Protein backbone atom coordinates (compact mmCIF):
# COMPACT_ATOMS: atom_id res chain seq x y z
CA ALA A 1 6.81 0.78 5.85
CA ILE A 2 6.70 -2.68 7.43
CA HIS A 3 6.07 -3.40 11.10
CA GLY A 4 4.69 -6.56 12.70
CA MET A 5 3.17 -9.18 10.41
CA ALA A 6 3.32 -8.89 6.63
CA LEU A 7 2.04 -12.32 5.62
CA GLY A 8 0.55 -13.52 2.34
CA GLY A 9 -0.89 -10.47 0.59
CA GLY A 10 1.03 -8.18 2.94
CA CYS A 11 4.28 -9.79 1.84
CA GLU A 12 3.30 -9.50 -1.83
CA LEU A 13 2.49 -5.80 -1.41
CA ALA A 14 5.88 -5.29 0.26
CA VAL A 15 8.01 -7.11 -2.33
CA TYR A 16 6.42 -5.19 -5.20
CA SER A 17 7.09 -1.82 -3.58
CA ALA A 18 9.94 0.24 -5.03
CA LYS A 19 11.67 0.30 -1.65
CA ARG A 20 10.98 -0.98 1.85
CA VAL A 21 11.69 0.40 5.31
CA ALA A 22 11.19 -2.35 7.88
CA HIS A 23 11.12 -2.36 11.67
CA MET A 24 13.54 -4.95 13.05
CA GLU A 25 10.63 -6.88 14.55
CA SER A 26 8.86 -7.67 11.30
CA TYR A 27 7.51 -11.05 10.25
CA ILE A 28 7.40 -11.45 6.48
CA GLY A 29 6.44 -14.52 4.46
CA LEU A 30 4.21 -16.25 1.93
CA VAL A 31 2.01 -18.51 4.07
CA GLU A 32 -0.85 -19.39 1.69
CA VAL A 33 0.07 -23.10 1.69
CA GLY A 34 -1.30 -23.27 5.25
CA VAL A 35 -4.80 -22.66 3.90
CA GLY A 36 -4.38 -24.88 0.84
CA LEU A 37 -3.61 -22.10 -1.64
CA VAL A 38 -0.66 -20.57 -3.44
CA PRO A 39 0.35 -16.90 -3.47
CA GLY A 40 -1.95 -15.39 -6.09
CA ALA A 41 -0.97 -11.71 -6.25
CA GLY A 42 2.58 -11.89 -7.56
CA GLY A 43 4.46 -13.69 -4.77
CA LEU A 44 5.58 -16.62 -6.93
CA THR A 45 6.29 -14.33 -9.87
CA TYR A 46 8.57 -12.30 -7.58
CA ILE A 47 10.45 -15.46 -6.54
CA ALA A 48 11.05 -16.40 -10.20
CA ARG A 49 12.17 -12.88 -11.14
CA ARG A 50 14.50 -12.49 -8.14
CA ALA A 51 16.12 -15.86 -8.94
CA ALA A 52 16.80 -14.65 -12.49
CA GLU A 53 18.20 -11.34 -11.19
CA ASN A 54 20.45 -13.10 -8.67
CA MET A 55 21.76 -15.46 -11.34
CA ALA A 56 22.47 -12.52 -13.65
CA ALA A 57 24.50 -10.86 -10.87
CA SER A 58 26.63 -14.01 -10.42
CA THR A 59 29.00 -15.96 -12.62
CA SER A 60 26.73 -19.02 -12.64
CA LYS A 61 24.43 -19.85 -15.53
CA ASP A 62 22.41 -22.45 -13.61
CA LEU A 63 19.15 -20.87 -12.47
CA LEU A 64 17.87 -23.70 -10.26
CA PRO A 65 20.11 -23.10 -7.18
CA PHE A 66 18.90 -19.49 -7.05
CA LEU A 67 15.29 -20.62 -7.39
CA THR A 68 15.36 -23.39 -4.79
CA GLU A 69 15.50 -21.15 -1.71
CA GLY A 70 12.54 -19.03 -2.78
CA PHE A 71 10.54 -22.12 -3.77
CA THR A 72 11.24 -23.75 -0.40
CA ALA A 73 10.23 -20.61 1.49
CA ALA A 74 6.85 -20.52 -0.30
CA ALA A 75 6.21 -24.28 -0.28
CA MET A 76 7.04 -24.61 3.44
CA ALA A 77 5.39 -21.27 4.38
CA LYS A 78 8.63 -20.00 5.93
CA VAL A 79 8.31 -16.68 7.74
CA GLY A 80 11.24 -14.41 8.51
CA THR A 81 11.17 -13.95 12.29
CA SER A 82 13.01 -10.63 12.02
CA ALA A 83 13.82 -8.13 9.31
CA LEU A 84 17.33 -9.59 9.09
CA GLU A 85 16.01 -13.11 8.53
CA SER A 86 13.49 -11.81 5.98
CA ARG A 87 16.44 -10.31 4.11
CA LYS A 88 18.05 -13.78 4.01
CA LEU A 89 14.80 -15.22 2.60
CA GLY A 90 14.81 -12.56 -0.14
CA TYR A 91 11.72 -10.65 0.99
CA LEU A 92 13.91 -7.65 1.84
CA LEU A 93 16.85 -6.50 -0.25
CA ASP A 94 20.26 -5.26 0.87
CA SER A 95 19.20 -1.79 -0.30
CA ASP A 96 16.15 -1.76 1.99
CA VAL A 97 16.38 0.11 5.28
CA ILE A 98 15.94 -1.65 8.63
CA VAL A 99 15.18 0.50 11.67
CA PRO A 100 15.61 -0.71 15.27
CA HIS A 101 12.73 1.23 16.84
CA LYS A 102 9.15 1.21 15.57
CA ASP A 103 8.65 4.90 16.38
CA GLU A 104 11.31 5.74 13.77
CA LEU A 105 9.58 3.72 11.03
CA LEU A 106 7.23 6.25 9.42
CA PHE A 107 9.70 9.13 9.78
CA VAL A 108 12.40 7.18 7.92
CA ALA A 109 9.95 5.78 5.33
CA ILE A 110 8.54 9.24 4.52
CA ASN A 111 12.05 10.66 4.12
CA GLU A 112 12.99 7.77 1.81
CA ALA A 113 9.90 8.44 -0.33
CA LYS A 114 10.68 12.18 -0.46
CA SER A 115 14.26 11.41 -1.45
CA MET A 116 13.13 9.10 -4.27
CA ALA A 117 10.70 11.74 -5.55
CA ALA A 118 13.33 14.48 -5.39
CA SER A 119 15.84 12.38 -7.31
CA GLY A 120 13.35 11.75 -10.14
CA TRP A 121 12.70 8.06 -9.48
CA ARG A 122 10.72 6.28 -12.21
CA ALA A 123 9.32 2.78 -12.33
CA PRO A 124 11.71 0.40 -14.13
CA HIS A 125 10.85 -0.73 -17.65
CA LYS A 126 9.22 -4.13 -17.91
CA ARG A 127 11.60 -6.75 -19.22
CA LEU A 128 11.70 -10.47 -19.90
CA PHE A 129 13.72 -12.84 -17.73
CA PRO A 130 14.71 -16.54 -17.92
CA VAL A 131 12.94 -19.34 -16.05
CA ALA A 132 13.99 -22.88 -15.13
CA GLY A 133 11.39 -24.50 -17.41
CA ARG A 134 10.52 -28.19 -17.71
CA SER A 135 13.89 -29.51 -16.52
CA GLY A 136 13.83 -27.38 -13.35
CA LEU A 137 10.24 -28.43 -12.69
CA ALA A 138 11.17 -32.12 -13.06
CA THR A 139 14.05 -31.73 -10.57
CA ILE A 140 11.87 -30.04 -7.93
CA LYS A 141 9.07 -32.57 -8.43
CA ALA A 142 11.52 -35.44 -7.89
CA GLN A 143 12.51 -33.90 -4.55
CA LEU A 144 8.83 -33.51 -3.62
CA VAL A 145 8.17 -37.17 -4.46
CA ASN A 146 10.95 -38.22 -2.07
CA MET A 147 9.47 -36.03 0.69
CA ARG A 148 5.96 -37.40 0.09
CA ASP A 149 7.05 -41.05 -0.05
CA GLY A 150 9.20 -40.50 3.05
CA GLY A 151 6.18 -39.24 4.97
CA PHE A 152 7.50 -35.70 5.41
CA ILE A 153 4.60 -34.09 3.50
CA SER A 154 1.04 -35.17 2.72
CA ALA A 155 -0.32 -35.99 -0.71
CA TYR A 156 -2.09 -32.62 -0.78
CA ASP A 157 1.11 -30.83 0.25
CA PHE A 158 2.72 -32.55 -2.73
CA LYS A 159 -0.04 -31.33 -5.04
CA ILE A 160 0.32 -27.72 -3.86
CA GLY A 161 4.14 -27.90 -3.92
CA ALA A 162 4.08 -29.20 -7.49
CA MET A 163 1.80 -26.34 -8.51
CA ILE A 164 4.10 -23.78 -6.88
CA ALA A 165 7.02 -25.37 -8.75
CA GLU A 166 5.09 -25.16 -12.02
CA VAL A 167 4.60 -21.41 -11.60
CA VAL A 168 8.12 -20.48 -10.44
CA CYS A 169 9.67 -22.63 -13.20
CA GLY A 170 7.49 -21.01 -15.86
CA GLY A 171 5.36 -24.01 -16.76
CA ASN A 172 5.81 -26.09 -19.91
CA VAL A 173 8.67 -24.13 -21.50
CA ASP A 174 12.33 -24.83 -22.25
CA ALA A 175 14.96 -24.10 -19.60
CA GLY A 176 16.20 -20.54 -20.05
CA ALA A 177 13.08 -19.42 -21.93
CA LEU A 178 12.36 -15.71 -21.50
CA VAL A 179 8.98 -14.84 -19.97
CA SER A 180 7.21 -11.75 -18.67
CA GLU A 181 5.76 -11.09 -15.24
CA GLU A 182 2.29 -11.03 -16.82
CA TYR A 183 2.82 -14.57 -18.12
CA LEU A 184 3.72 -15.87 -14.64
CA LEU A 185 0.88 -13.92 -13.01
CA THR A 186 -1.52 -15.71 -15.37
CA LEU A 187 -0.09 -19.07 -14.23
CA GLU A 188 -0.52 -17.97 -10.60
CA ARG A 189 -4.16 -17.07 -11.09
CA LYS A 190 -4.89 -20.34 -12.91
CA VAL A 191 -3.43 -22.42 -10.06
CA PHE A 192 -5.09 -20.29 -7.37
CA CYS A 193 -8.52 -20.61 -9.01
CA HIS A 194 -8.08 -24.39 -9.30
CA LEU A 195 -7.13 -24.81 -5.62
CA ILE A 196 -9.86 -22.54 -4.24
CA ALA A 197 -12.45 -25.02 -5.54
CA GLN A 198 -10.87 -28.08 -3.87
CA PRO A 199 -12.55 -29.66 -0.78
CA LYS A 200 -9.20 -30.14 0.98
CA THR A 201 -8.46 -26.43 0.58
CA HIS A 202 -11.86 -25.70 2.15
CA GLU A 203 -10.90 -27.98 5.06
CA ARG A 204 -7.66 -26.04 5.58
CA ILE A 205 -9.39 -22.66 5.42
CA LEU A 206 -12.13 -23.71 7.88
CA GLY A 207 -9.55 -25.29 10.18
CA MET A 208 -7.48 -22.11 10.26
CA LEU A 209 -10.58 -20.00 10.94
CA SER A 210 -11.72 -22.36 13.71
CA THR A 211 -8.46 -23.11 15.52
CA GLY A 212 -5.88 -20.67 14.18
CA LYS A 213 -3.65 -23.63 13.33
CA PRO A 214 -2.96 -25.21 9.92
CA VAL A 215 -4.72 -28.46 9.05
CA ARG A 216 -2.39 -31.14 7.66
CA ASN A 217 -4.77 -33.08 5.40
């Protein structure tokens, strides 16, 4: 049941739930870039998996267009300013329920949970899915280079963006290689642990704690 802000870890908890009921005035997004980090609890893994699922549901066999929107949302810390916008960003699905009044939220969410239990819902089996691989990573990095050299992002933004791209593309594998969620979660943790030790990340964290605004270093 989502109401108000579900940012960072709150967003990751929401996207890994079996179903979501969201109040219309909900703000959902992966905002870790603002403090010099990447989503480290499955947010990037979710983006990669959803891109693969969306491609499978279409007639296209090119994964990158489906991946680009999710990558951009995470790299630019985009936040859905309503439940409807969060659905466009992929943090809510068409099957999720949106309620107009916050006082209805828990009532509807509890009934949805009861309905799922009564119908014998079970967690889906784990399965492998394709990733964009080295070629997708090279394409995204080329776009990031243009943004950095054009002065639209800082050198540290480029570093973090490239690391996000590495995770959502599956790292150093061939395009279309099949990976598991556990594999991508391991990549997430590796990148997160690297960034948490960086002085510029410390600057961003301290700046956010001091002023409430992101530091662009």
